[in-house]
Amino acid sequence: MTIEVCAYSLESCINAQAGGAGRIELCGGLGEGGTTPSAGLIEIVKQHIDISVYVMIRPRGGDFVYDFFEEEIMRKDIDLAKKLGANGVVLGVLTADGQVDVARTKALVDYAAPMKVTFHRAFDLTPDPHKALKAVIATGAERILTSGQQPTAPQGIELLASLSKAANGAIEIMAGGGVNAGNAAELAAAGVHSLHLTAKAFRPGRQKYFPENISMAGESPDERSVLYSDLGLIEAIVQVVS
């Protein structure tokens, strides 16, 4: 059972590797649910991390219907991830009615080769999960990250089990969303192939002075705290599934 850590910093990647995780999903844009990380972050992570690193390819927050220029940005970001030594990328394209855009996603999967591709939780916004499963298989993606179309993976465990069975070895199903050491065993028993978590924790930032009533973020987490992936939380879940 592979543990994948969604990481937004080098600190989190170091903790993921030290804690026994097998793979990292490297992201920027925490407040938008994960967007393409900077070239600098990708490069320095690859200099310090030996486990597999999959780079998020998502040009903006919001929906997953992209125009021509956004798709061109995704291609340039795939080029950069490949040049900087990423092991794979994470992406997904939908149509306006919520279906997997097979043609455009397959084109990006082919473009990313020889890097492998994870189809991300855009899958959870599709109206028919089993139809979407067949569609993602047709794109050539290696795995699907999904919460079972529920707010958290434990809530979606019945669909996760059904998808894992229906996949029948054609694609990996990775459970993500609210995953922790307390529910890892149950999710593993459902037949999923890997587990995805942030192992989220916050610590105070180094800056001590802040003016009152001003925030760059406007919402939590704000600039007064720093998110990181907690080593203890990663070690705990790795222990459960080892």
Protein backbone atom coordinates (compact mmCIF):
# COMPACT_ATOMS: atom_id res chain seq x y z
CA MET A 1 0.00 0.00 0.00
CA THR A 2 1.63 3.21 -1.19
CA ILE A 3 1.19 6.35 0.90
CA GLU A 4 1.21 9.56 -1.14
CA VAL A 5 1.65 12.89 0.62
CA CYS A 6 0.25 16.08 -0.88
CA ALA A 7 3.03 18.59 -0.16
CA TYR A 8 3.27 22.33 -0.61
CA SER A 9 6.84 22.85 0.61
CA LEU A 10 10.28 21.26 0.79
CA GLU A 11 9.76 20.82 4.54
CA SER A 12 6.66 18.72 3.87
CA CYS A 13 8.48 16.64 1.24
CA ILE A 14 11.33 15.93 3.64
CA ASN A 15 8.81 14.84 6.28
CA ALA A 16 7.01 12.65 3.74
CA GLN A 17 10.20 10.83 2.83
CA ALA A 18 11.38 10.52 6.44
CA GLY A 19 7.97 9.22 7.50
CA GLY A 20 8.00 6.36 5.00
CA ALA A 21 5.71 7.73 2.27
CA GLY A 22 6.29 6.28 -1.19
CA ARG A 23 5.27 9.22 -3.33
CA ILE A 24 4.72 12.99 -3.21
CA GLU A 25 2.10 15.06 -5.01
CA LEU A 26 3.80 18.45 -5.22
CA CYS A 27 1.46 21.43 -5.34
CA GLY A 28 1.24 25.19 -5.05
CA GLY A 29 -1.93 27.20 -4.46
CA LEU A 30 -3.04 25.81 -1.12
CA GLY A 31 -6.07 28.10 -0.93
CA GLU A 32 -7.25 26.93 -4.39
CA GLY A 33 -7.02 23.22 -3.62
CA GLY A 34 -3.71 22.74 -5.40
CA THR A 35 -2.24 24.36 -8.51
CA THR A 36 1.05 24.01 -10.39
CA PRO A 37 4.01 24.62 -8.05
CA SER A 38 6.86 26.96 -8.94
CA ALA A 39 9.85 25.79 -10.96
CA GLY A 40 12.07 26.68 -8.02
CA LEU A 41 10.13 24.40 -5.67
CA ILE A 42 10.18 21.50 -8.13
CA GLU A 43 13.91 21.86 -8.68
CA ILE A 44 14.89 22.06 -5.02
CA VAL A 45 12.58 19.18 -4.06
CA LYS A 46 14.19 16.96 -6.71
CA GLN A 47 17.61 17.90 -5.32
CA HIS A 48 16.69 16.74 -1.81
CA ILE A 49 14.11 13.97 -2.28
CA ASP A 50 14.65 10.43 -3.54
CA ILE A 51 11.06 9.11 -3.53
CA SER A 52 8.76 9.62 -6.50
CA VAL A 53 7.52 13.19 -7.10
CA TYR A 54 4.35 13.87 -9.13
CA VAL A 55 3.83 17.53 -10.02
CA MET A 56 0.35 19.07 -10.10
CA ILE A 57 -0.47 20.53 -13.54
CA ARG A 58 -3.36 22.90 -12.92
CA PRO A 59 -3.00 26.45 -14.28
CA ARG A 60 -5.56 28.06 -11.95
CA GLY A 61 -8.13 27.38 -9.28
CA GLY A 62 -11.78 26.95 -10.15
CA ASP A 63 -13.28 24.47 -12.58
CA PHE A 64 -11.59 21.95 -14.88
CA VAL A 65 -12.79 23.18 -18.27
CA TYR A 66 -9.80 24.85 -19.88
CA ASP A 67 -9.50 27.14 -22.88
CA PHE A 68 -6.81 26.94 -25.57
CA PHE A 69 -4.34 29.18 -23.76
CA GLU A 70 -4.77 27.39 -20.43
CA GLU A 71 -4.06 24.09 -22.16
CA GLU A 72 -0.93 25.60 -23.68
CA ILE A 73 0.17 26.67 -20.19
CA MET A 74 -0.36 23.10 -19.00
CA ARG A 75 1.87 21.82 -21.79
CA LYS A 76 4.61 24.30 -20.90
CA ASP A 77 4.35 23.25 -17.25
CA ILE A 78 4.58 19.58 -18.27
CA ASP A 79 7.73 20.46 -20.26
CA LEU A 80 9.19 22.13 -17.19
CA ALA A 81 8.29 19.27 -14.83
CA LYS A 82 9.91 16.82 -17.24
CA LYS A 83 13.06 18.96 -17.57
CA LEU A 84 13.37 19.25 -13.77
CA GLY A 85 13.15 15.48 -13.27
CA ALA A 86 9.59 14.92 -12.05
CA ASN A 87 8.53 11.28 -12.04
CA GLY A 88 4.99 12.07 -13.08
CA VAL A 89 2.29 14.72 -13.26
CA VAL A 90 -1.23 15.14 -11.91
CA LEU A 91 -3.95 16.59 -14.14
CA GLY A 92 -7.50 16.25 -15.43
CA VAL A 93 -9.76 17.94 -17.96
CA LEU A 94 -13.58 17.91 -17.91
CA THR A 95 -16.25 19.04 -20.35
CA ALA A 96 -18.86 21.65 -19.44
CA ASP A 97 -21.38 18.93 -18.49
CA GLY A 98 -18.94 17.30 -16.07
CA GLN A 99 -17.77 14.41 -18.24
CA VAL A 100 -14.12 13.43 -18.52
CA ASP A 101 -12.74 15.13 -21.64
CA VAL A 102 -11.10 12.00 -23.00
CA ALA A 103 -9.53 13.54 -26.10
CA ARG A 104 -7.91 16.51 -24.37
CA THR A 105 -6.84 14.54 -21.32
CA LYS A 106 -5.36 11.76 -23.49
CA ALA A 107 -3.45 14.35 -25.50
CA LEU A 108 -1.87 15.64 -22.29
CA VAL A 109 -1.16 12.12 -21.02
CA ASP A 110 0.59 11.32 -24.30
CA TYR A 111 2.45 14.63 -24.19
CA ALA A 112 3.71 13.92 -20.66
CA ALA A 113 5.24 10.55 -21.61
CA PRO A 114 7.44 8.94 -20.44
CA MET A 115 6.20 10.50 -17.20
CA LYS A 116 3.13 8.80 -15.75
CA VAL A 117 -0.11 10.64 -15.00
CA THR A 118 -2.54 10.68 -12.08
CA PHE A 119 -6.05 11.92 -12.89
CA HIS A 120 -6.92 14.13 -9.92
CA ARG A 121 -10.13 14.74 -7.98
CA ALA A 122 -11.86 16.39 -10.91
CA PHE A 123 -13.08 12.79 -11.10
CA ASP A 124 -15.27 13.51 -8.07
CA LEU A 125 -17.17 16.20 -10.00
CA THR A 126 -18.39 13.81 -12.70
CA PRO A 127 -22.06 12.68 -12.74
CA ASP A 128 -21.48 8.96 -13.40
CA PRO A 129 -18.39 7.56 -11.65
CA HIS A 130 -18.31 4.22 -13.48
CA LYS A 131 -18.61 5.94 -16.85
CA ALA A 132 -15.84 8.31 -15.72
CA LEU A 133 -13.69 5.34 -14.68
CA LYS A 134 -13.89 3.89 -18.20
CA ALA A 135 -13.16 7.33 -19.66
CA VAL A 136 -10.04 7.86 -17.53
CA ILE A 137 -8.79 4.37 -18.42
CA ALA A 138 -9.19 5.38 -22.09
CA THR A 139 -6.92 8.41 -21.52
CA GLY A 140 -4.00 6.20 -20.52
CA ALA A 141 -3.66 7.69 -17.04
CA GLU A 142 -1.97 5.50 -14.44
CA ARG A 143 -4.27 6.16 -11.49
CA ILE A 144 -7.31 8.09 -10.27
CA LEU A 145 -7.33 10.15 -7.07
CA THR A 146 -10.83 10.12 -5.63
CA SER A 147 -12.78 10.48 -2.39
CA GLY A 148 -15.50 8.22 -3.79
CA GLN A 149 -17.46 11.33 -4.81
CA GLN A 150 -18.06 12.27 -1.17
CA PRO A 151 -16.58 15.06 0.97
CA THR A 152 -14.16 12.52 2.49
CA ALA A 153 -12.89 9.11 1.42
CA PRO A 154 -14.34 7.28 4.46
CA GLN A 155 -17.78 8.59 3.46
CA GLY A 156 -17.20 7.37 -0.08
CA ILE A 157 -15.86 3.95 0.87
CA GLU A 158 -18.64 1.98 -0.86
CA LEU A 159 -17.96 3.64 -4.20
CA LEU A 160 -14.19 3.32 -3.67
CA ALA A 161 -14.63 -0.43 -3.21
CA SER A 162 -16.85 -0.63 -6.30
CA LEU A 163 -14.39 1.38 -8.42
CA SER A 164 -11.43 -0.70 -7.25
CA LYS A 165 -13.23 -3.89 -8.25
CA ALA A 166 -14.42 -2.47 -11.58
CA ALA A 167 -10.92 -1.20 -12.40
CA ASN A 168 -9.78 -4.85 -12.47
CA GLY A 169 -6.12 -3.94 -12.74
CA ALA A 170 -6.58 -1.53 -15.66
CA ILE A 171 -5.90 1.51 -13.48
CA GLU A 172 -5.02 2.26 -9.85
CA ILE A 173 -7.57 3.76 -7.48
CA MET A 174 -6.07 6.08 -4.86
CA ALA A 175 -8.28 7.21 -1.97
CA GLY A 176 -7.86 10.82 -0.86
CA GLY A 177 -9.80 13.28 1.26
CA GLY A 178 -9.88 13.06 5.04
CA VAL A 179 -7.48 10.11 5.07
CA ASN A 180 -5.59 9.45 8.33
CA ALA A 181 -4.21 6.64 10.49
CA GLY A 182 -7.62 6.12 12.06
CA ASN A 183 -9.35 5.15 8.81
CA ALA A 184 -6.43 3.83 6.73
CA ALA A 185 -7.04 0.16 7.52
CA GLU A 186 -10.71 0.37 6.54
CA LEU A 187 -9.85 2.11 3.28
CA ALA A 188 -7.13 -0.41 2.50
CA ALA A 189 -9.61 -3.24 3.11
CA ALA A 190 -11.92 -1.66 0.49
CA GLY A 191 -9.35 -2.62 -2.14
CA VAL A 192 -7.86 0.75 -3.05
CA HIS A 193 -4.27 0.65 -4.27
CA SER A 194 -2.90 3.69 -2.44
CA LEU A 195 -3.80 6.39 0.08
CA HIS A 196 -3.35 10.14 -0.32
CA LEU A 197 -3.18 12.67 2.50
CA THR A 198 -1.71 16.03 3.41
CA ALA A 199 -1.01 15.07 7.05
CA LYS A 200 -1.95 18.67 7.66
CA ALA A 201 -0.65 20.66 10.61
CA PHE A 202 -0.03 24.36 11.21
CA ARG A 203 2.68 26.19 13.09
CA PRO A 204 3.13 29.88 13.80
CA GLY A 205 5.15 31.76 11.20
CA ARG A 206 8.46 33.43 12.06
CA GLN A 207 7.06 36.93 11.68
CA LYS A 208 6.02 38.42 15.01
CA TYR A 209 4.53 41.77 14.04
CA PHE A 210 1.25 42.03 12.15
CA PRO A 211 -0.99 45.10 11.87
CA GLU A 212 -4.55 44.63 13.05
CA ASN A 213 -7.32 43.83 10.57
CA ILE A 214 -5.09 43.26 7.54
CA SER A 215 -4.71 39.88 5.91
CA MET A 216 -3.15 39.03 2.56
CA ALA A 217 -5.13 35.80 2.36
CA GLY A 218 -8.44 37.04 3.71
CA GLU A 219 -9.27 33.60 5.07
CA SER A 220 -7.75 30.76 7.06
CA PRO A 221 -4.98 29.71 6.76
CA ASP A 222 -3.67 33.25 6.77
CA GLU A 223 -0.11 34.59 6.71
CA ARG A 224 0.24 34.23 10.47
CA SER A 225 0.58 30.45 10.21
CA VAL A 226 2.41 27.97 8.00
CA LEU A 227 0.95 24.68 6.80
CA TYR A 228 3.19 21.63 6.73
CA SER A 229 2.89 17.85 6.52
CA ASP A 230 3.43 16.48 10.01
CA LEU A 231 6.07 13.75 10.34
CA GLY A 232 4.25 12.00 13.17
CA LEU A 233 0.98 11.81 11.21
CA ILE A 234 2.80 10.33 8.22
CA GLU A 235 4.65 7.77 10.33
CA ALA A 236 1.37 6.76 11.99
CA ILE A 237 -0.44 5.99 8.74
CA VAL A 238 2.56 4.20 7.23
CA GLN A 239 2.64 1.96 10.33
CA VAL A 240 -1.02 1.05 9.87
CA VAL A 241 -0.68 -0.11 6.26
CA SER A 242 2.84 -1.62 6.40
